[in-house]
C-alpha atoms as a PDB file:
ATOM      1  CA  MET A   1     -45.181  13.881  -6.174  1.00  0.00           C
ATOM      2  CA  PRO A   2     -44.339  10.898  -3.841  1.00  0.00           C
ATOM      3  CA  ILE A   3     -41.740  11.546  -1.129  1.00  0.00           C
ATOM      4  CA  LYS A   4     -38.376   9.960  -1.975  1.00  0.00           C
ATOM      5  CA  GLN A   5     -36.871   7.456   0.457  1.00  0.00           C
ATOM      6  CA  ALA A   6     -33.629   9.425   0.724  1.00  0.00           C
ATOM      7  CA  ASP A   7     -35.561  12.617   1.616  1.00  0.00           C
ATOM      8  CA  ILE A   8     -37.360  10.720   4.313  1.00  0.00           C
ATOM      9  CA  ASP A   9     -34.200   9.425   5.743  1.00  0.00           C
ATOM     10  CA  ARG A  10     -32.660  12.745   5.626  1.00  0.00           C
ATOM     11  CA  SER A  11     -35.661  14.233   7.489  1.00  0.00           C
ATOM     12  CA  ILE A  12     -35.407  11.609  10.253  1.00  0.00           C
ATOM     13  CA  ASN A  13     -31.639  12.132  10.637  1.00  0.00           C
ATOM     14  CA  ASP A  14     -32.030  15.923  10.826  1.00  0.00           C
ATOM     15  CA  ASN A  15     -35.144  16.193  13.022  1.00  0.00           C
ATOM     16  CA  LEU A  16     -35.498  13.261  15.282  1.00  0.00           C
ATOM     17  CA  ARG A  17     -34.161  14.552  18.581  1.00  0.00           C
ATOM     18  CA  ARG A  18     -33.656  13.493  22.135  1.00  0.00           C
ATOM     19  CA  CYS A  19     -33.897  16.627  24.252  1.00  0.00           C
ATOM     20  CA  ARG A  20     -32.220  16.123  27.634  1.00  0.00           C
ATOM     21  CA  LEU A  21     -33.438  18.506  30.269  1.00  0.00           C
ATOM     22  CA  TYR A  22     -32.087  19.284  33.829  1.00  0.00           C
ATOM     23  CA  ILE A  23     -33.537  21.196  36.701  1.00  0.00           C
ATOM     24  CA  TRP A  24     -31.873  24.468  37.379  1.00  0.00           C
ATOM     25  CA  ARG A  25     -31.817  25.709  40.960  1.00  0.00           C
ATOM     26  CA  ASN A  26     -32.909  29.183  40.042  1.00  0.00           C
ATOM     27  CA  TYR A  27     -35.580  28.164  37.577  1.00  0.00           C
ATOM     28  CA  ASN A  28     -39.058  26.852  38.459  1.00  0.00           C
ATOM     29  CA  GLY A  29     -39.647  23.684  36.471  1.00  0.00           C
ATOM     30  CA  PHE A  30     -38.530  22.729  33.043  1.00  0.00           C
ATOM     31  CA  GLY A  31     -40.260  25.545  31.163  1.00  0.00           C
ATOM     32  CA  PHE A  32     -42.556  23.820  28.710  1.00  0.00           C
ATOM     33  CA  THR A  33     -46.304  22.982  28.336  1.00  0.00           C
ATOM     34  CA  VAL A  34     -47.496  19.746  26.808  1.00  0.00           C
ATOM     35  CA  THR A  35     -50.942  19.157  25.353  1.00  0.00           C
ATOM     36  CA  SER A  36     -52.491  15.859  24.261  1.00  0.00           C
ATOM     37  CA  GLU A  37     -54.954  15.651  21.374  1.00  0.00           C
ATOM     38  CA  SER A  38     -57.230  12.991  20.030  1.00  0.00           C
ATOM     39  CA  GLN A  39     -55.419  10.419  17.952  1.00  0.00           C
ATOM     40  CA  LEU A  40     -52.082  12.372  18.070  1.00  0.00           C
ATOM     41  CA  PRO A  41     -49.074  12.151  20.224  1.00  0.00           C
ATOM     42  CA  PRO A  42     -48.605  14.841  22.976  1.00  0.00           C
ATOM     43  CA  ILE A  43     -47.462  18.174  21.480  1.00  0.00           C
ATOM     44  CA  ILE A  44     -45.283  20.862  22.965  1.00  0.00           C
ATOM     45  CA  THR A  45     -47.455  24.074  22.933  1.00  0.00           C
ATOM     46  CA  CYS A  46     -45.188  26.377  24.811  1.00  0.00           C
ATOM     47  CA  VAL A  47     -41.503  26.689  25.503  1.00  0.00           C
ATOM     48  CA  GLU A  48     -40.376  29.483  27.818  1.00  0.00           C
ATOM     49  CA  SER A  49     -37.430  31.566  26.786  1.00  0.00           C
ATOM     50  CA  ASN A  50     -34.223  30.966  28.745  1.00  0.00           C
ATOM     51  CA  SER A  51     -35.614  27.752  30.235  1.00  0.00           C
ATOM     52  CA  PRO A  52     -34.104  24.261  30.472  1.00  0.00           C
ATOM     53  CA  ALA A  53     -36.432  23.262  27.800  1.00  0.00           C
ATOM     54  CA  ALA A  54     -35.255  25.980  25.377  1.00  0.00           C
ATOM     55  CA  ALA A  55     -31.619  25.070  26.224  1.00  0.00           C
ATOM     56  CA  ALA A  56     -32.346  21.523  25.346  1.00  0.00           C
ATOM     57  CA  GLY A  57     -33.646  22.400  21.860  1.00  0.00           C
ATOM     58  CA  LEU A  58     -37.310  21.728  22.644  1.00  0.00           C
ATOM     59  CA  ASN A  59     -39.544  23.599  20.115  1.00  0.00           C
ATOM     60  CA  ILE A  60     -43.141  24.663  20.056  1.00  0.00           C
ATOM     61  CA  GLN A  61     -45.051  22.128  17.835  1.00  0.00           C
ATOM     62  CA  ASP A  62     -42.773  19.220  18.659  1.00  0.00           C
ATOM     63  CA  TYR A  63     -44.512  15.913  19.052  1.00  0.00           C
ATOM     64  CA  VAL A  64     -43.346  13.897  22.111  1.00  0.00           C
ATOM     65  CA  LEU A  65     -42.815  10.357  21.049  1.00  0.00           C
ATOM     66  CA  ALA A  66     -41.113   9.056  24.157  1.00  0.00           C
ATOM     67  CA  VAL A  67     -40.275  10.111  27.647  1.00  0.00           C
ATOM     68  CA  ASN A  68     -37.234   8.505  29.385  1.00  0.00           C
ATOM     69  CA  ASP A  69     -37.310   5.560  26.895  1.00  0.00           C
ATOM     70  CA  THR A  70     -41.065   4.943  27.412  1.00  0.00           C
ATOM     71  CA  SER A  71     -43.248   5.509  24.286  1.00  0.00           C
ATOM     72  CA  THR A  72     -46.006   8.038  24.894  1.00  0.00           C
ATOM     73  CA  ALA A  73     -48.363   5.649  23.081  1.00  0.00           C
ATOM     74  CA  ASP A  74     -48.166   3.457  26.168  1.00  0.00           C
ATOM     75  CA  VAL A  75     -49.041   6.083  28.822  1.00  0.00           C
ATOM     76  CA  SER A  76     -51.941   8.368  29.538  1.00  0.00           C
ATOM     77  CA  HIS A  77     -51.553  12.127  29.692  1.00  0.00           C
ATOM     78  CA  ALA A  78     -51.664  12.061  33.485  1.00  0.00           C
ATOM     79  CA  GLU A  79     -48.919   9.426  33.554  1.00  0.00           C
ATOM     80  CA  LEU A  80     -46.819  11.577  31.260  1.00  0.00           C
ATOM     81  CA  VAL A  81     -47.228  14.609  33.516  1.00  0.00           C
ATOM     82  CA  ALA A  82     -46.415  12.508  36.587  1.00  0.00           C
ATOM     83  CA  MET A  83     -43.209  11.218  35.017  1.00  0.00           C
ATOM     84  CA  VAL A  84     -42.015  14.683  34.358  1.00  0.00           C
ATOM     85  CA  LYS A  85     -43.110  16.037  37.742  1.00  0.00           C
ATOM     86  CA  ASN A  86     -41.356  13.110  39.458  1.00  0.00           C
ATOM     87  CA  ALA A  87     -38.124  13.956  37.609  1.00  0.00           C
ATOM     88  CA  ARG A  88     -38.520  17.582  38.549  1.00  0.00           C
ATOM     89  CA  ASP A  89     -39.086  16.810  42.307  1.00  0.00           C
ATOM     90  CA  THR A  90     -36.115  14.430  42.503  1.00  0.00           C
ATOM     91  CA  ASP A  91     -33.760  16.752  40.601  1.00  0.00           C
ATOM     92  CA  ALA A  92     -33.398  14.124  37.870  1.00  0.00           C
ATOM     93  CA  SER A  93     -33.069  14.636  34.183  1.00  0.00           C
ATOM     94  CA  VAL A  94     -35.861  14.227  31.647  1.00  0.00           C
ATOM     95  CA  GLU A  95     -35.230  13.020  28.093  1.00  0.00           C
ATOM     96  CA  LEU A  96     -37.837  13.604  25.439  1.00  0.00           C
ATOM     97  CA  LEU A  97     -37.852  11.920  22.177  1.00  0.00           C
ATOM     98  CA  VAL A  98     -39.424  14.555  19.754  1.00  0.00           C
ATOM     99  CA  LEU A  99     -40.126  15.145  16.051  1.00  0.00           C
ATOM    100  CA  HIS A 100     -41.471  18.440  14.712  1.00  0.00           C
ATOM    101  CA  GLN A 101     -45.095  18.286  13.658  1.00  0.00           C
ATOM    102  CA  ASP A 102     -44.438  18.910  10.021  1.00  0.00           C
ATOM    103  CA  PHE A 103     -42.034  15.973   9.691  1.00  0.00           C
ATOM    104  CA  TYR A 104     -44.256  13.727  11.798  1.00  0.00           C
ATOM    105  CA  ARG A 105     -47.043  14.199   9.301  1.00  0.00           C
ATOM    106  CA  GLU A 106     -44.750  13.367   6.443  1.00  0.00           C
ATOM    107  CA  LEU A 107     -43.675  10.136   8.095  1.00  0.00           C
ATOM    108  CA  LYS A 108     -47.168   9.284   9.136  1.00  0.00           C
ATOM    109  CA  LYS A 109     -48.391   9.763   5.588  1.00  0.00           C
ATOM    110  CA  VAL A 110     -46.126   7.056   4.253  1.00  0.00           C
ATOM    111  CA  ASN A 111     -46.445   4.830   7.320  1.00  0.00           C
ATOM    112  CA  ARG A 112     -42.663   5.077   7.943  1.00  0.00           C
ATOM    113  CA  LEU A 113     -40.836   3.333  10.793  1.00  0.00           C
ATOM    114  CA  PHE A 114     -38.027   5.184  12.575  1.00  0.00           C
ATOM    115  CA  ASP A 115     -35.132   4.098  14.635  1.00  0.00           C
ATOM    116  CA  PRO A 116     -34.761   5.986  17.983  1.00  0.00           C
ATOM    117  CA  LYS A 117     -31.064   5.014  18.186  1.00  0.00           C
ATOM    118  CA  ARG A 118     -30.470   7.464  15.363  1.00  0.00           C
ATOM    119  CA  ALA A 119     -31.935  10.422  17.200  1.00  0.00           C
ATOM    120  CA  LYS A 120     -29.602  13.337  17.836  1.00  0.00           C
ATOM    121  CA  ILE A 121     -29.022  14.142  21.494  1.00  0.00           C
ATOM    122  CA  ILE A 122     -29.314  17.779  22.487  1.00  0.00           C
ATOM    123  CA  GLU A 123     -28.405  18.246  26.175  1.00  0.00           C
ATOM    124  CA  ALA A 124     -29.086  21.368  28.216  1.00  0.00           C
ATOM    125  CA  PRO A 125     -26.393  22.478  30.662  1.00  0.00           C
ATOM    126  CA  ARG A 126     -26.788  21.069  34.134  1.00  0.00           C
ATOM    127  CA  ILE A 127     -26.779  24.618  35.654  1.00  0.00           C
ATOM    128  CA  THR A 128     -28.103  27.883  34.300  1.00  0.00           C
ATOM    129  CA  PRO A 129     -25.675  29.380  31.728  1.00  0.00           C
ATOM    130  CA  ILE A 130     -24.290  32.788  32.667  1.00  0.00           C
ATOM    131  CA  ASN A 131     -25.871  34.462  29.716  1.00  0.00           C
ATOM    132  CA  TYR A 132     -29.303  33.141  30.725  1.00  0.00           C
ATOM    133  CA  GLN A 133     -28.819  34.588  34.141  1.00  0.00           C
ATOM    134  CA  ASN A 134     -27.859  37.967  32.817  1.00  0.00           C
ATOM    135  CA  PHE A 135     -30.804  38.165  30.378  1.00  0.00           C
ATOM    136  CA  PRO A 136     -33.354  40.795  31.493  1.00  0.00           C
ATOM    137  CA  LYS A 137     -36.358  39.116  32.945  1.00  0.00           C
ATOM    138  CA  HIS A 138     -39.963  40.402  32.717  1.00  0.00           C
ATOM    139  CA  GLN A 139     -38.972  43.222  30.392  1.00  0.00           C
ATOM    140  CA  PRO A 140     -40.149  43.627  26.708  1.00  0.00           C
ATOM    141  CA  ARG A 141     -37.272  44.219  24.179  1.00  0.00           C
ATOM    142  CA  THR A 142     -37.001  46.107  21.050  1.00  0.00           C
ATOM    143  CA  CYS A 143     -34.856  44.392  18.426  1.00  0.00           C
ATOM    144  CA  LEU A 144     -33.514  46.366  15.499  1.00  0.00           C
ATOM    145  CA  LEU A 145     -32.640  44.317  12.518  1.00  0.00           C
ATOM    146  CA  ARG A 146     -30.849  45.781   9.417  1.00  0.00           C
ATOM    147  CA  LEU A 147     -29.699  43.830   6.427  1.00  0.00           C
ATOM    148  CA  ALA A 148     -26.339  44.649   4.868  1.00  0.00           C
ATOM    149  CA  LYS A 149     -25.944  44.726   1.127  1.00  0.00           C
ATOM    150  CA  LYS A 150     -24.898  41.085   0.802  1.00  0.00           C
ATOM    151  CA  GLU A 151     -27.248  39.757   3.515  1.00  0.00           C
ATOM    152  CA  LYS A 152     -30.470  38.095   2.201  1.00  0.00           C
ATOM    153  CA  SER A 153     -32.054  37.046   5.434  1.00  0.00           C
ATOM    154  CA  PHE A 154     -32.626  38.327   9.030  1.00  0.00           C
ATOM    155  CA  GLY A 155     -31.750  34.767  10.274  1.00  0.00           C
ATOM    156  CA  PHE A 156     -34.953  33.635  12.090  1.00  0.00           C
ATOM    157  CA  SER A 157     -38.001  31.530  11.437  1.00  0.00           C
ATOM    158  CA  ILE A 158     -41.461  31.779  12.864  1.00  0.00           C
ATOM    159  CA  VAL A 159     -44.167  29.611  14.013  1.00  0.00           C
ATOM    160  CA  GLY A 160     -47.920  30.322  14.524  1.00  0.00           C
ATOM    161  CA  SER A 161     -49.793  29.936  17.813  1.00  0.00           C
ATOM    162  CA  SER A 162     -52.330  27.291  18.531  1.00  0.00           C
ATOM    163  CA  THR A 163     -55.179  29.960  18.009  1.00  0.00           C
ATOM    164  CA  SER A 164     -53.785  31.169  14.641  1.00  0.00           C
ATOM    165  CA  THR A 165     -53.453  34.587  16.240  1.00  0.00           C
ATOM    166  CA  GLY A 166     -49.957  35.992  16.768  1.00  0.00           C
ATOM    167  CA  LEU A 167     -46.503  34.707  16.025  1.00  0.00           C
ATOM    168  CA  TYR A 168     -43.528  33.228  17.892  1.00  0.00           C
ATOM    169  CA  ILE A 169     -39.877  33.088  16.964  1.00  0.00           C
ATOM    170  CA  ASP A 170     -39.264  29.526  16.165  1.00  0.00           C
ATOM    171  CA  GLU A 171     -35.522  29.377  15.327  1.00  0.00           C
ATOM    172  CA  VAL A 172     -32.650  31.930  15.442  1.00  0.00           C
ATOM    173  CA  CYS A 173     -29.549  31.163  13.361  1.00  0.00           C
ATOM    174  CA  PRO A 174     -26.204  31.576  14.952  1.00  0.00           C
ATOM    175  CA  ASN A 175     -24.217  34.722  14.101  1.00  0.00           C
ATOM    176  CA  SER A 176     -27.174  36.173  12.113  1.00  0.00           C
ATOM    177  CA  VAL A 177     -28.686  39.653  12.104  1.00  0.00           C
ATOM    178  CA  ALA A 178     -31.388  38.411  14.446  1.00  0.00           C
ATOM    179  CA  SER A 179     -28.961  36.761  16.894  1.00  0.00           C
ATOM    180  CA  ASN A 180     -26.813  39.911  17.111  1.00  0.00           C
ATOM    181  CA  ALA A 181     -29.960  41.844  17.862  1.00  0.00           C
ATOM    182  CA  LEU A 182     -30.638  39.370  20.725  1.00  0.00           C
ATOM    183  CA  LEU A 183     -33.790  38.047  19.315  1.00  0.00           C
ATOM    184  CA  ARG A 184     -34.548  34.722  21.133  1.00  0.00           C
ATOM    185  CA  GLU A 185     -36.312  31.521  20.260  1.00  0.00           C
ATOM    186  CA  ASN A 186     -39.882  31.442  21.583  1.00  0.00           C
ATOM    187  CA  ASP A 187     -40.114  35.207  21.798  1.00  0.00           C
ATOM    188  CA  ARG A 188     -43.651  36.393  21.061  1.00  0.00           C
ATOM    189  CA  ILE A 189     -43.810  39.136  18.472  1.00  0.00           C
ATOM    190  CA  ILE A 190     -45.922  42.048  19.812  1.00  0.00           C
ATOM    191  CA  GLU A 191     -45.172  44.822  17.401  1.00  0.00           C
ATOM    192  CA  ILE A 192     -43.614  45.155  13.890  1.00  0.00           C
ATOM    193  CA  ASN A 193     -42.208  48.557  12.996  1.00  0.00           C
ATOM    194  CA  ASP A 194     -44.250  50.121  15.875  1.00  0.00           C
ATOM    195  CA  GLU A 195     -47.536  48.536  14.657  1.00  0.00           C
ATOM    196  CA  PHE A 196     -49.298  46.256  17.313  1.00  0.00           C
ATOM    197  CA  VAL A 197     -49.768  42.840  15.731  1.00  0.00           C
ATOM    198  CA  ASP A 198     -50.371  40.518  18.663  1.00  0.00           C
ATOM    199  CA  ASP A 199     -54.067  40.233  17.995  1.00  0.00           C
ATOM    200  CA  GLN A 200     -53.682  39.722  14.206  1.00  0.00           C
ATOM    201  CA  GLN A 201     -53.992  36.537  12.323  1.00  0.00           C
ATOM    202  CA  SER A 202     -50.686  34.715  11.903  1.00  0.00           C
ATOM    203  CA  GLU A 203     -50.745  34.885   8.107  1.00  0.00           C
ATOM    204  CA  ALA A 204     -51.190  38.660   8.107  1.00  0.00           C
ATOM    205  CA  ILE A 205     -48.195  39.009  10.459  1.00  0.00           C
ATOM    206  CA  LYS A 206     -46.130  36.892   8.103  1.00  0.00           C
ATOM    207  CA  LYS A 207     -46.936  39.226   5.195  1.00  0.00           C
ATOM    208  CA  LYS A 208     -45.644  42.161   7.257  1.00  0.00           C
ATOM    209  CA  LEU A 209     -42.364  40.345   7.864  1.00  0.00           C
ATOM    210  CA  VAL A 210     -41.998  39.597   4.199  1.00  0.00           C
ATOM    211  CA  GLN A 211     -42.413  43.362   3.421  1.00  0.00           C
ATOM    212  CA  ALA A 212     -39.830  44.243   6.109  1.00  0.00           C
ATOM    213  CA  LYS A 213     -37.335  41.801   4.547  1.00  0.00           C
ATOM    214  CA  LYS A 214     -37.709  43.470   1.192  1.00  0.00           C
ATOM    215  CA  ALA A 215     -37.107  46.866   2.815  1.00  0.00           C
ATOM    216  CA  GLY A 216     -34.035  45.523   4.562  1.00  0.00           C
ATOM    217  CA  PHE A 217     -35.113  46.851   8.081  1.00  0.00           C
ATOM    218  CA  LEU A 218     -37.167  45.390  10.799  1.00  0.00           C
ATOM    219  CA  LYS A 219     -38.085  46.719  14.217  1.00  0.00           C
ATOM    220  CA  LEU A 220     -39.457  44.088  16.473  1.00  0.00           C
ATOM    221  CA  TYR A 221     -41.012  44.508  19.958  1.00  0.00           C
ATOM    222  CA  VAL A 222     -40.960  41.200  21.529  1.00  0.00           C
ATOM    223  CA  ILE A 223     -41.756  39.630  24.912  1.00  0.00           C
ATOM    224  CA  ASP A 224     -40.540  36.181  26.177  1.00  0.00           C
ATOM    225  CA  MET A 225     -43.154  33.590  26.896  1.00  0.00           C
ATOM    226  CA  ASP A 226     -43.011  33.817  30.700  1.00  0.00           C
ATOM    227  CA  THR A 227     -43.315  37.596  30.538  1.00  0.00           C
ATOM    228  CA  TYR A 228     -46.134  37.410  28.018  1.00  0.00           C
ATOM    229  CA  GLU A 229     -48.229  35.166  30.251  1.00  0.00           C
ATOM    230  CA  SER A 230     -47.370  37.327  33.313  1.00  0.00           C
ATOM    231  CA  PHE A 231     -48.465  40.463  31.597  1.00  0.00           C
ATOM    232  CA  ARG A 232     -51.737  38.971  30.481  1.00  0.00           C
ATOM    233  CA  SER A 233     -52.570  37.543  33.914  1.00  0.00           C
ATOM    234  CA  GLU A 234     -51.794  40.860  35.644  1.00  0.00           C
ATOM    235  CA  ASN A 235     -53.522  43.041  32.995  1.00  0.00           C
ATOM    236  CA  ILE A 236     -50.217  44.770  32.163  1.00  0.00           C
ATOM    237  CA  PRO A 237     -50.450  46.470  28.763  1.00  0.00           C
ATOM    238  CA  LEU A 238     -48.712  44.611  25.813  1.00  0.00           C
ATOM    239  CA  SER A 239     -48.367  47.476  23.487  1.00  0.00           C
ATOM    240  CA  SER A 240     -45.153  49.420  23.899  1.00  0.00           C
ATOM    241  CA  ASN A 241     -46.826  52.796  24.059  1.00  0.00           C
ATOM    242  CA  GLU A 242     -49.326  51.829  26.657  1.00  0.00           C
ATOM    243  CA  TYR A 243     -46.762  49.897  28.647  1.00  0.00           C
ATOM    244  CA  LEU A 244     -44.288  52.857  28.809  1.00  0.00           C
ATOM    245  CA  HIS A 245     -47.073  55.156  29.947  1.00  0.00           C
ATOM    246  CA  SER A 246     -48.752  52.711  32.401  1.00  0.00           C
ATOM    247  CA  SER A 247     -48.638  53.225  36.205  1.00  0.00           C
ATOM    248  CA  SER A 248     -47.590  49.619  36.770  1.00  0.00           C
ATOM    249  CA  ILE A 249     -44.959  49.368  39.602  1.00  0.00           C
ATOM    250  CA  ARG A 250     -43.317  46.656  37.588  1.00  0.00           C
ATOM    251  CA  LYS A 251     -42.639  48.870  34.712  1.00  0.00           C
ATOM    252  CA  ALA A 252     -39.143  49.677  33.699  1.00  0.00           C
ATOM    253  CA  SER A 253     -37.514  51.060  30.612  1.00  0.00           C
ATOM    254  CA  THR A 254     -37.666  48.477  27.725  1.00  0.00           C
ATOM    255  CA  TYR A 255     -34.400  46.974  26.476  1.00  0.00           C
ATOM    256  CA  SER A 256     -33.292  47.897  22.988  1.00  0.00           C
ATOM    257  CA  TYR A 257     -30.891  45.868  20.914  1.00  0.00           C
ATOM    258  CA  ASN A 258     -29.370  46.675  17.500  1.00  0.00           C
ATOM    259  CA  SER A 259     -28.064  44.030  15.205  1.00  0.00           C
ATOM    260  CA  GLU A 260     -24.925  45.939  14.688  1.00  0.00           C
ATOM    261  CA  HIS A 261     -24.230  46.203  18.552  1.00  0.00           C
ATOM    262  CA  GLN A 262     -24.477  43.356  20.947  1.00  0.00           C
ATOM    263  CA  GLY A 263     -23.939  45.220  24.233  1.00  0.00           C
ATOM    264  CA  ASN A 264     -22.795  43.284  27.264  1.00  0.00           C
ATOM    265  CA  TYR A 265     -24.658  40.071  26.495  1.00  0.00           C
ATOM    266  CA  GLN A 266     -23.251  37.029  24.827  1.00  0.00           C
ATOM    267  CA  HIS A 267     -25.965  35.530  22.513  1.00  0.00           C
ATOM    268  CA  PHE A 268     -26.921  32.012  23.511  1.00  0.00           C
ATOM    269  CA  ASN A 269     -27.372  30.122  20.259  1.00  0.00           C
ATOM    270  CA  VAL A 270     -30.326  27.774  20.981  1.00  0.00           C
ATOM    271  CA  THR A 271     -30.571  26.020  17.610  1.00  0.00           C
ATOM    272  CA  PRO A 272     -32.804  23.051  17.317  1.00  0.00           C
ATOM    273  CA  GLY A 273     -32.041  19.707  15.701  1.00  0.00           C
ATOM    274  CA  ARG A 274     -33.351  20.590  12.231  1.00  0.00           C
ATOM    275  CA  GLY A 275     -30.149  20.388  10.143  1.00  0.00           C
ATOM    276  CA  ARG A 276     -28.204  22.708  12.422  1.00  0.00           C
ATOM    277  CA  THR A 277     -25.675  22.179  15.204  1.00  0.00           C
ATOM    278  CA  ALA A 278     -26.223  23.070  18.688  1.00  0.00           C
ATOM    279  CA  GLY A 279     -25.007  26.413  19.942  1.00  0.00           C
ATOM    280  CA  ASN A 280     -23.194  27.588  23.122  1.00  0.00           C
ATOM    281  CA  GLY A 281     -24.579  26.394  26.392  1.00  0.00           C
ATOM    282  CA  ARG A 282     -25.760  22.909  25.286  1.00  0.00           C
ATOM    283  CA  LYS A 283     -24.183  19.815  23.832  1.00  0.00           C
ATOM    284  CA  ALA A 284     -25.265  17.909  20.772  1.00  0.00           C
ATOM    285  CA  GLN A 285     -24.041  14.413  20.097  1.00  0.00           C
ATOM    286  CA  GLU A 286     -24.843  11.392  18.095  1.00  0.00           C
ATOM    287  CA  SER A 287     -25.451   8.312  20.383  1.00  0.00           C
ATOM    288  CA  ALA A 288     -27.053   4.901  20.221  1.00  0.00           C
ATOM    289  CA  GLY A 289     -28.325   5.603  23.762  1.00  0.00           C
ATOM    290  CA  ASN A 290     -30.358   3.207  25.890  1.00  0.00           C
ATOM    291  CA  TRP A 291     -33.093   2.001  23.432  1.00  0.00           C
ATOM    292  CA  LYS A 292     -32.381  -1.821  23.701  1.00  0.00           C
ATOM    293  CA  GLN A 293     -36.086  -2.671  24.023  1.00  0.00           C
ATOM    294  CA  TYR A 294     -36.922  -1.235  20.567  1.00  0.00           C
ATOM    295  CA  SER A 295     -35.287  -1.876  17.209  1.00  0.00           C
ATOM    296  CA  SER A 296     -37.702   0.451  15.291  1.00  0.00           C
ATOM    297  CA  TRP A 297     -40.770   2.343  16.135  1.00  0.00           C
ATOM    298  CA  LYS A 298     -43.950   2.938  14.189  1.00  0.00           C
ATOM    299  CA  LEU A 299     -45.714   6.321  14.516  1.00  0.00           C
ATOM    300  CA  PRO A 300     -48.661   5.265  16.579  1.00  0.00           C
ATOM    301  CA  ASP A 301     -52.198   6.423  17.140  1.00  0.00           C
ATOM    302  CA  PHE A 302     -53.111   8.052  20.399  1.00  0.00           C
ATOM    303  CA  LEU A 303     -56.226   8.223  22.590  1.00  0.00           C
ATOM    304  CA  PRO A 304     -57.735  11.549  23.490  1.00  0.00           C
ATOM    305  CA  VAL A 305     -56.592  13.048  26.673  1.00  0.00           C
ATOM    306  CA  ASP A 306     -56.273  16.344  28.434  1.00  0.00           C
ATOM    307  CA  SER A 307     -53.794  19.177  28.493  1.00  0.00           C
ATOM    308  CA  ASP A 308     -51.739  20.365  31.428  1.00  0.00           C
ATOM    309  CA  GLN A 309     -49.039  22.865  32.341  1.00  0.00           C
ATOM    310  CA  LEU A 310     -45.889  21.266  33.629  1.00  0.00           C
ATOM    311  CA  PRO A 311     -44.696  23.478  36.455  1.00  0.00           C
END
């Protein structure tokens, strides 16, 4: 069935975003990784939890179409990295025009132009939000999610990793069961109902989540992206049982959150620009912006380049 024009326009309006990031004094870098692939625009492959990138609504599997008004079709990967690093080193902001991979493919299929002036701005705070500062760092979390009788969803979506092994939390809906349990976007799912799933195929993990939804209860053991990479590099056990019984000096008791009790933390609703409004701690606004040099853009083809971690 062909895609309707109205549906295409709605997809663009809901999903074309300009994510505006600022350097935070107590955070090292912007908190995202970008990879460039053959014949495709640069893609976001990692967004660290509680980072400027997360606060600006940047998501895993977002394609980067422009950086600071410059189309990524006109720059190499090295130039792209240099632009972001220069902004970091000069304490300037970085603005990324992004579109999620799924919607990019839809528009590319019908060879559709888009108008960058219609992109939704999602702006991160200029300083670290208090609830980001208070969030426990380098500690796994256990999130207990229970559905009430009238509730039909836990309130989160998932995205697979680039290796098709493991799953990440993609979106967390405001005031949902998931948000009340302090589940965060970009958390890596390590265990489901006490079963270690980090090494399982993404599709197999999805099936377990579906079964948990039917049962109305879900126990998630999760780790934010920064902690996940730190644990792997330092050979700290990922499973909850091995971690709690390990001799690592960095070990501490894990944090546990129940969807019925939010503790002393105010949940930071980091909702992306996919048909939802931005949550506390960042601003969303409609603006024509500074795109005078372009009236409309075509989704371009890209040359093969390398990948790099933006520090």
